[in-house]
Amino acid sequence: MAMEFEDYLALESELGAHNYKPLDVVLERGEGVWVWDTDGKKYLDCLSAYSAVNQGHCHPKIREAMFEQAGRLTLTSRAFHNDQLALFYKEICELTNTSKVLPMNSGAEAVESAIKAVRKWGYEVKGVPKNEAEIIVCADNFHGRTIAIVGFSTDPAARSGFGPFAPGFKVIPFGDADALERVITPNTVGFLVEPIQGEAGVIIPPDGYLKRVREICTDKNVMLILDEIQTGLGRTGKLLAEEHEGIEADLTLIGKALSGGFYPVSAVLSNSEVLGVLQPGQHGSTFGGNPMACAVARAALKVLVEEGMIENAEKMGAYFLKGLGEIRNNLIKDIRGRGLMIAVEFHAEAEGARRYCEALRESGLLCKETHVDTIRFAPPLTITKDQVDWALERIEPVLRTA
């Protein structure tokens, strides 16, 4: 018997954990910036699976690489070498000016791996007393959902009911370099921060913030860890968001678009000083660095660069932001963005952003609210000017009158 729209929702509700609140649309197909639901209705995707499909849905060259590798070899574990891992290392190091790579699967795994590595570096290289290492993080951060990570979240929804939490983290305001300098102690081993806070609502720090942070971390011998899982790989109009201020992190975390949405792939990019502290048996992953993941990631990186997606993100992002800025509604508090990472924030009187997202869904455009009052617009980096115009034609009346 054929499934109807309501059947899918009812089955999910009955059998699945209710840890998400998706919009009421059931998608079955995607191509480029477009997705289709089970009734055949077409939508412009302005979420990009939280920036995992920067290259667009079902990019043919990434798909071809995946199919080809799937017919050859998918998994060996790291007990053996495979013919894709070394090439992945070479290509990503050349692209990002990195000297060492630790491959993992999810973004949260990359964050956890970085925490482990900088703590070990702190004990073995910096000389921090055993079990006294401190890592500084920012309020309103989002770095994943593991116990260690939610333990240093300031979001009550992420933390409540999950303790006790791992110690060793200090929280400071985002965008305040002086606050960072004040809380560093001889036991501080790392500062973990997003160049732009995505889940918090595309919060962009003041100009010069990252440059000052880089100077402080260098001066105090603290590892700067940039979580570029959402901001990296072209989303902000640069390969990595750190490039906007001309800096280099000690550890850079990437994921999501590293596979173009085909497969979970993440990586910690760093140097021999930090990643060199990890010895055989001290850290690992059965699937991390598997040949399927590496082949997919290689193709995803290649099309990102060769097809000019990063430059397009910068150009189309500016155009999209300008168009949104022309919308008039007294309930709109702020419109901000960098590249194709854009947010529209509403005043509290608007009673939340979700109703706008639902109205936009009816108009054929998919986006999602975050932190109640903010809509994020983050289409695939392949979006064209005509498609941005198409989006703005639907966004303008909804945001102006809804």
Protein backbone atom coordinates (compact mmCIF):
# COMPACT_ATOMS: atom_id res chain seq x y z
CA MET A 1 0.00 0.00 0.00
CA ALA A 2 1.31 3.43 -0.96
CA MET A 3 2.31 5.73 1.90
CA GLU A 4 0.59 9.11 2.19
CA PHE A 5 2.09 12.26 3.74
CA GLU A 6 0.21 11.73 7.01
CA ASP A 7 1.35 8.08 7.14
CA TYR A 8 5.02 9.08 7.17
CA LEU A 9 4.48 11.59 9.98
CA ALA A 10 2.40 9.15 12.03
CA LEU A 11 4.96 6.36 11.68
CA GLU A 12 7.82 8.66 12.64
CA SER A 13 5.91 9.92 15.65
CA GLU A 14 5.05 6.40 16.80
CA LEU A 15 8.45 4.75 16.36
CA GLY A 16 11.03 7.53 16.55
CA ALA A 17 12.47 9.47 19.47
CA HIS A 18 10.99 12.97 19.51
CA ASN A 19 14.32 14.81 19.65
CA TYR A 20 13.59 16.96 16.58
CA LYS A 21 10.75 19.24 15.56
CA PRO A 22 10.93 19.28 11.75
CA LEU A 23 8.69 21.27 9.46
CA ASP A 24 5.82 19.22 8.07
CA VAL A 25 7.33 18.25 4.74
CA VAL A 26 8.43 14.76 3.66
CA LEU A 27 11.25 14.96 1.12
CA GLU A 28 12.14 12.17 -1.27
CA ARG A 29 14.45 13.63 -3.92
CA GLY A 30 17.01 16.40 -4.39
CA GLU A 31 19.06 17.92 -7.20
CA GLY A 32 21.24 21.01 -6.92
CA VAL A 33 19.42 23.65 -4.89
CA TRP A 34 16.05 21.92 -5.29
CA VAL A 35 14.25 19.19 -3.33
CA TRP A 36 10.90 17.48 -3.96
CA ASP A 37 8.41 16.09 -1.47
CA THR A 38 6.44 12.84 -1.69
CA ASP A 39 3.59 14.69 -3.44
CA GLY A 40 5.95 16.01 -6.13
CA LYS A 41 6.04 19.62 -4.88
CA LYS A 42 9.35 21.39 -5.57
CA TYR A 43 11.18 23.53 -3.01
CA LEU A 44 14.30 25.68 -2.94
CA ASP A 45 16.45 24.37 -0.08
CA CYS A 46 17.73 27.27 2.00
CA LEU A 47 19.15 25.13 4.81
CA SER A 48 21.52 22.80 2.92
CA ALA A 49 21.25 20.19 5.69
CA TYR A 50 22.91 22.66 8.07
CA SER A 51 25.62 23.33 5.43
CA ALA A 52 26.36 19.67 4.72
CA VAL A 53 25.28 19.98 1.08
CA ASN A 54 27.26 23.08 0.10
CA GLN A 55 27.90 21.41 -3.27
CA GLY A 56 24.18 20.94 -3.88
CA HIS A 57 22.05 17.86 -3.55
CA CYS A 58 23.31 14.69 -5.21
CA HIS A 59 26.21 16.32 -7.04
CA PRO A 60 26.89 13.97 -9.97
CA LYS A 61 30.69 13.95 -9.63
CA ILE A 62 30.59 13.16 -5.92
CA ARG A 63 27.94 10.52 -6.56
CA GLU A 64 30.10 8.96 -9.26
CA ALA A 65 33.08 8.81 -6.89
CA MET A 66 30.92 7.17 -4.24
CA PHE A 67 29.47 4.58 -6.62
CA GLU A 68 32.89 3.73 -8.03
CA GLN A 69 34.43 3.31 -4.59
CA ALA A 70 31.42 1.33 -3.34
CA GLY A 71 32.16 -1.25 -6.04
CA ARG A 72 35.83 -1.51 -5.08
CA LEU A 73 36.30 -1.26 -1.30
CA THR A 74 34.24 0.42 1.42
CA LEU A 75 35.84 -0.37 4.77
CA THR A 76 39.11 -1.82 6.03
CA SER A 77 39.29 -0.28 9.51
CA ARG A 78 42.57 1.41 10.38
CA ALA A 79 44.11 -2.00 11.11
CA PHE A 80 45.26 -1.86 7.47
CA HIS A 81 46.17 0.88 5.00
CA ASN A 82 43.90 1.73 2.08
CA ASP A 83 44.65 3.40 -1.23
CA GLN A 84 42.40 6.45 -0.63
CA LEU A 85 43.55 7.70 2.77
CA ALA A 86 47.02 8.94 1.79
CA LEU A 87 45.59 10.76 -1.25
CA PHE A 88 42.93 12.38 0.92
CA TYR A 89 45.64 13.53 3.33
CA LYS A 90 47.75 14.95 0.50
CA GLU A 91 44.92 16.83 -1.18
CA ILE A 92 43.36 18.32 1.93
CA CYS A 93 46.75 19.35 3.33
CA GLU A 94 47.65 21.12 0.09
CA LEU A 95 44.26 22.84 -0.06
CA THR A 96 44.20 24.05 3.56
CA ASN A 97 47.93 24.57 4.24
CA THR A 98 47.84 21.86 6.90
CA SER A 99 50.61 19.47 7.92
CA LYS A 100 48.67 16.77 9.82
CA VAL A 101 45.15 15.33 9.57
CA LEU A 102 43.05 13.19 11.89
CA PRO A 103 40.03 11.76 10.01
CA MET A 104 36.79 11.05 11.87
CA ASN A 105 33.10 10.72 10.96
CA SER A 106 30.83 13.27 12.62
CA GLY A 107 31.50 16.86 13.56
CA ALA A 108 31.06 16.06 17.25
CA GLU A 109 33.74 13.37 16.93
CA ALA A 110 36.11 15.94 15.46
CA VAL A 111 35.45 18.25 18.43
CA GLU A 112 35.97 15.44 20.95
CA SER A 113 39.18 14.44 19.15
CA ALA A 114 40.50 17.99 19.34
CA ILE A 115 39.70 18.19 23.06
CA LYS A 116 41.60 14.96 23.69
CA ALA A 117 44.57 16.02 21.56
CA VAL A 118 45.04 19.46 23.12
CA ARG A 119 44.70 18.09 26.63
CA LYS A 120 47.38 15.48 25.89
CA TRP A 121 49.54 18.18 24.29
CA GLY A 122 49.09 20.25 27.43
CA TYR A 123 50.37 17.47 29.66
CA GLU A 124 53.18 16.16 27.47
CA VAL A 125 54.44 19.34 25.80
CA LYS A 126 53.30 22.39 27.77
CA GLY A 127 53.81 20.74 31.15
CA VAL A 128 50.35 21.21 32.66
CA PRO A 129 49.90 19.15 35.87
CA LYS A 130 48.01 15.88 35.45
CA ASN A 131 44.22 16.29 35.09
CA GLU A 132 44.42 20.10 35.46
CA ALA A 133 44.09 21.10 31.78
CA GLU A 134 41.57 23.85 31.01
CA ILE A 135 39.84 24.62 27.73
CA ILE A 136 38.04 27.93 27.22
CA VAL A 137 34.79 28.05 25.23
CA CYS A 138 32.21 30.72 24.41
CA ALA A 139 28.68 31.29 25.63
CA ASP A 140 26.00 30.32 23.10
CA ASN A 141 28.38 27.88 21.46
CA PHE A 142 27.30 24.85 19.49
CA HIS A 143 29.88 22.12 19.00
CA GLY A 144 27.75 18.98 19.01
CA ARG A 145 25.68 16.76 21.26
CA THR A 146 28.03 14.45 23.18
CA ILE A 147 28.14 14.52 26.99
CA ALA A 148 31.44 16.43 27.12
CA ILE A 149 30.21 18.99 24.60
CA VAL A 150 26.78 19.65 26.09
CA GLY A 151 28.51 19.97 29.44
CA PHE A 152 30.02 23.28 28.32
CA SER A 153 26.95 24.45 26.40
CA THR A 154 25.00 27.41 27.78
CA ASP A 155 21.77 26.28 26.09
CA PRO A 156 19.43 24.87 28.78
CA ALA A 157 17.73 22.61 26.21
CA ALA A 158 21.07 21.02 25.35
CA ARG A 159 22.20 20.58 28.99
CA SER A 160 19.15 19.93 31.12
CA GLY A 161 18.87 16.39 32.43
CA PHE A 162 22.16 15.09 31.02
CA GLY A 163 24.64 15.67 33.87
CA PRO A 164 27.01 15.10 35.54
CA PHE A 165 29.38 16.69 33.07
CA ALA A 166 33.10 16.54 32.41
CA PRO A 167 35.13 19.25 34.19
CA GLY A 168 37.89 21.36 32.69
CA PHE A 169 35.98 24.00 30.70
CA LYS A 170 35.57 27.75 31.23
CA VAL A 171 32.87 29.79 29.48
CA ILE A 172 33.38 33.40 28.36
CA PRO A 173 31.32 35.79 26.19
CA PHE A 174 31.66 35.35 22.42
CA GLY A 175 33.40 38.19 20.60
CA ASP A 176 35.22 39.51 23.68
CA ALA A 177 38.98 39.05 23.30
CA ASP A 178 39.69 40.83 26.57
CA ALA A 179 37.59 38.24 28.40
CA LEU A 180 39.72 35.50 26.86
CA GLU A 181 42.93 37.15 27.99
CA ARG A 182 41.62 37.58 31.54
CA VAL A 183 40.71 33.92 32.14
CA ILE A 184 43.81 32.24 30.70
CA THR A 185 45.96 30.53 33.32
CA PRO A 186 49.15 28.43 33.08
CA ASN A 187 46.84 25.39 32.85
CA THR A 188 44.94 26.66 29.80
CA VAL A 189 45.62 24.41 26.83
CA GLY A 190 43.05 25.52 24.27
CA PHE A 191 40.43 28.04 23.17
CA LEU A 192 37.58 26.41 21.22
CA VAL A 193 35.47 28.85 19.21
CA GLU A 194 33.32 29.14 16.09
CA PRO A 195 34.43 31.91 13.72
CA ILE A 196 30.72 32.66 13.33
CA GLN A 197 28.22 31.12 15.71
CA GLY A 198 25.81 29.25 13.47
CA GLU A 199 23.25 27.61 15.74
CA ALA A 200 23.15 30.73 17.90
CA GLY A 201 21.75 32.60 14.90
CA VAL A 202 24.69 33.53 12.64
CA ILE A 203 26.37 35.70 15.27
CA ILE A 204 29.34 37.46 13.68
CA PRO A 205 32.06 38.71 16.05
CA PRO A 206 33.49 42.24 15.84
CA ASP A 207 36.08 42.95 13.16
CA GLY A 208 39.53 42.07 14.40
CA TYR A 209 38.28 39.62 17.02
CA LEU A 210 39.86 36.52 15.55
CA LYS A 211 43.11 38.32 14.84
CA ARG A 212 43.33 39.47 18.45
CA VAL A 213 42.41 35.98 19.67
CA ARG A 214 45.19 34.56 17.53
CA GLU A 215 47.68 36.97 19.08
CA ILE A 216 46.57 36.15 22.64
CA CYS A 217 46.75 32.39 22.08
CA THR A 218 50.21 32.66 20.55
CA ASP A 219 51.46 34.86 23.37
CA LYS A 220 50.05 32.58 26.09
CA ASN A 221 50.98 29.29 24.40
CA VAL A 222 47.33 28.24 24.07
CA MET A 223 46.07 26.22 21.12
CA LEU A 224 43.46 28.07 19.04
CA ILE A 225 40.81 25.56 17.94
CA LEU A 226 38.42 26.86 15.28
CA ASP A 227 35.24 24.88 14.79
CA GLU A 228 34.63 25.39 11.07
CA ILE A 229 32.19 22.51 10.71
CA GLN A 230 29.47 24.92 9.56
CA THR A 231 31.52 27.95 8.49
CA GLY A 232 34.19 26.06 6.56
CA LEU A 233 34.42 24.73 3.02
CA GLY A 234 33.11 27.80 1.25
CA ARG A 235 30.02 28.70 3.27
CA THR A 236 31.20 32.24 4.16
CA GLY A 237 32.76 33.01 0.77
CA LYS A 238 36.22 31.75 1.75
CA LEU A 239 37.48 28.18 1.93
CA LEU A 240 37.75 28.67 5.70
CA ALA A 241 36.20 31.54 7.65
CA GLU A 242 39.55 32.23 9.35
CA GLU A 243 40.73 33.69 6.03
CA HIS A 244 38.50 36.74 6.50
CA GLU A 245 40.98 37.94 9.13
CA GLY A 246 44.10 36.39 7.64
CA ILE A 247 44.84 34.02 10.49
CA GLU A 248 45.56 30.30 10.88
CA ALA A 249 44.23 28.20 13.75
CA ASP A 250 46.35 25.58 15.50
CA LEU A 251 43.51 23.11 15.03
CA THR A 252 40.72 23.48 12.48
CA LEU A 253 37.66 21.23 12.63
CA ILE A 254 35.76 20.48 9.44
CA GLY A 255 32.90 18.14 8.57
CA LYS A 256 29.43 18.40 7.01
CA ALA A 257 30.27 19.63 3.46
CA LEU A 258 33.48 17.58 3.52
CA SER A 259 31.38 14.86 1.89
CA GLY A 260 28.85 17.03 0.08
CA GLY A 261 26.10 15.30 2.04
CA PHE A 262 26.82 11.79 0.82
CA TYR A 263 28.54 10.28 3.84
CA PRO A 264 29.59 11.27 7.38
CA VAL A 265 33.16 12.59 7.12
CA SER A 266 35.00 14.98 9.45
CA ALA A 267 38.59 15.86 10.18
CA VAL A 268 40.87 17.63 12.60
CA LEU A 269 43.46 19.67 10.71
CA SER A 270 46.53 20.54 12.76
CA ASN A 271 50.26 20.05 13.05
CA SER A 272 52.78 17.50 14.30
CA GLU A 273 53.17 19.24 17.66
CA VAL A 274 49.55 18.57 18.61
CA LEU A 275 48.48 15.50 16.66
CA GLY A 276 51.92 13.97 17.17
CA VAL A 277 51.06 13.29 20.82
CA LEU A 278 48.56 10.62 19.79
CA GLN A 279 50.18 7.20 19.72
CA PRO A 280 48.75 3.88 18.47
CA GLY A 281 45.91 2.67 20.65
CA GLN A 282 45.23 6.06 22.26
CA HIS A 283 42.53 7.27 19.86
CA GLY A 284 40.72 5.93 16.84
CA SER A 285 37.57 5.11 14.91
CA THR A 286 36.57 2.00 12.97
CA PHE A 287 35.07 4.11 10.19
CA GLY A 288 37.33 7.17 10.43
CA GLY A 289 39.47 7.44 7.30
CA ASN A 290 37.71 4.57 5.52
CA PRO A 291 38.21 4.33 1.74
CA MET A 292 34.59 5.24 0.94
CA ALA A 293 34.77 8.37 3.10
CA CYS A 294 38.10 9.41 1.64
CA ALA A 295 37.01 8.94 -1.98
CA VAL A 296 33.84 10.93 -1.37
CA ALA A 297 35.70 13.70 0.47
CA ARG A 298 38.29 13.99 -2.30
CA ALA A 299 35.54 14.47 -4.87
CA ALA A 300 33.62 16.89 -2.64
CA LEU A 301 36.68 19.10 -2.19
CA LYS A 302 37.54 18.94 -5.88
CA VAL A 303 34.17 20.17 -7.13
CA LEU A 304 34.02 22.85 -4.45
CA VAL A 305 37.20 24.39 -5.84
CA GLU A 306 37.06 23.56 -9.54
CA GLU A 307 33.45 24.69 -10.01
CA GLY A 308 34.01 28.05 -8.31
CA MET A 309 31.54 27.45 -5.51
CA ILE A 310 33.52 29.41 -2.93
CA GLU A 311 33.67 32.52 -5.08
CA ASN A 312 30.00 32.09 -5.94
CA ALA A 313 29.11 31.96 -2.25
CA GLU A 314 30.79 35.32 -1.71
CA LYS A 315 29.08 36.92 -4.69
CA MET A 316 25.60 35.43 -4.26
CA GLY A 317 25.73 35.93 -0.50
CA ALA A 318 26.26 39.66 -0.89
CA TYR A 319 23.45 39.81 -3.45
CA PHE A 320 21.07 37.78 -1.25
CA LEU A 321 21.89 39.87 1.83
CA LYS A 322 21.28 43.10 -0.08
CA GLY A 323 17.89 41.85 -1.25
CA LEU A 324 16.85 40.81 2.24
CA GLY A 325 17.98 44.18 3.58
CA GLU A 326 15.39 45.91 1.40
CA ILE A 327 12.49 44.14 3.13
CA ARG A 328 10.57 46.39 5.49
CA ASN A 329 8.93 45.00 8.61
CA ASN A 330 9.13 46.64 12.03
CA LEU A 331 9.24 43.19 13.60
CA ILE A 332 12.64 42.51 12.01
CA LYS A 333 15.41 43.24 14.48
CA ASP A 334 18.47 42.49 12.35
CA ILE A 335 19.59 41.05 9.02
CA ARG A 336 23.18 39.83 8.92
CA GLY A 337 25.43 37.37 7.21
CA ARG A 338 28.69 36.48 5.56
CA GLY A 339 28.74 34.66 2.27
CA LEU A 340 25.75 32.34 2.09
CA MET A 341 25.41 32.12 5.87
CA ILE A 342 22.62 34.60 6.50
CA ALA A 343 20.15 35.29 9.31
CA VAL A 344 17.02 37.33 9.79
CA GLU A 345 16.31 37.97 13.48
CA PHE A 346 12.92 39.13 14.76
CA HIS A 347 11.94 41.11 17.84
CA ALA A 348 10.23 39.14 20.58
CA GLU A 349 6.89 40.71 19.62
CA ALA A 350 6.96 38.62 16.44
CA GLU A 351 6.30 35.59 18.65
CA GLY A 352 8.94 33.45 17.04
CA ALA A 353 10.34 32.79 13.58
CA ARG A 354 8.78 29.38 12.99
CA ARG A 355 5.54 30.77 11.56
CA TYR A 356 7.58 32.56 8.89
CA CYS A 357 9.36 29.29 8.06
CA GLU A 358 6.00 27.53 7.74
CA ALA A 359 4.68 30.27 5.46
CA LEU A 360 7.82 30.06 3.32
CA ARG A 361 7.37 26.29 3.05
CA GLU A 362 3.93 26.91 1.59
CA SER A 363 5.58 29.28 -0.91
CA GLY A 364 8.09 26.62 -2.00
CA LEU A 365 11.13 27.61 0.06
CA LEU A 366 12.59 25.57 2.94
CA CYS A 367 14.45 27.16 5.84
CA LYS A 368 14.50 26.63 9.60
CA GLU A 369 14.31 28.75 12.70
CA THR A 370 17.01 28.72 15.35
CA HIS A 371 16.93 30.07 18.90
CA VAL A 372 13.23 30.85 18.49
CA ASP A 373 13.52 34.30 16.90
CA THR A 374 15.92 33.79 13.99
CA ILE A 375 15.66 32.32 10.48
CA ARG A 376 18.80 31.09 8.77
CA PHE A 377 19.12 31.24 5.00
CA ALA A 378 21.92 28.97 3.80
CA PRO A 379 21.28 27.58 0.31
CA PRO A 380 23.79 25.39 -1.52
CA LEU A 381 26.79 27.32 -2.81
CA THR A 382 25.73 26.51 -6.38
CA ILE A 383 22.79 28.92 -6.23
CA THR A 384 22.49 31.31 -9.18
CA LYS A 385 21.37 34.94 -9.35
CA ASP A 386 18.06 33.90 -10.93
CA GLN A 387 17.49 31.43 -8.11
CA VAL A 388 18.27 34.08 -5.48
CA ASP A 389 15.76 36.35 -7.21
CA TRP A 390 13.23 33.50 -7.16
CA ALA A 391 13.84 33.09 -3.42
CA LEU A 392 13.56 36.82 -2.70
CA GLU A 393 10.27 37.03 -4.61
CA ARG A 394 8.84 34.52 -2.15
CA ILE A 395 10.60 35.72 0.99
CA GLU A 396 9.69 39.41 0.64
CA PRO A 397 5.89 39.10 0.92
CA VAL A 398 6.11 36.53 3.72
CA LEU A 399 8.50 38.56 5.87
CA ARG A 400 6.73 41.80 5.12
CA THR A 401 3.18 40.69 5.89
CA ALA A 402 3.18 37.44 7.88
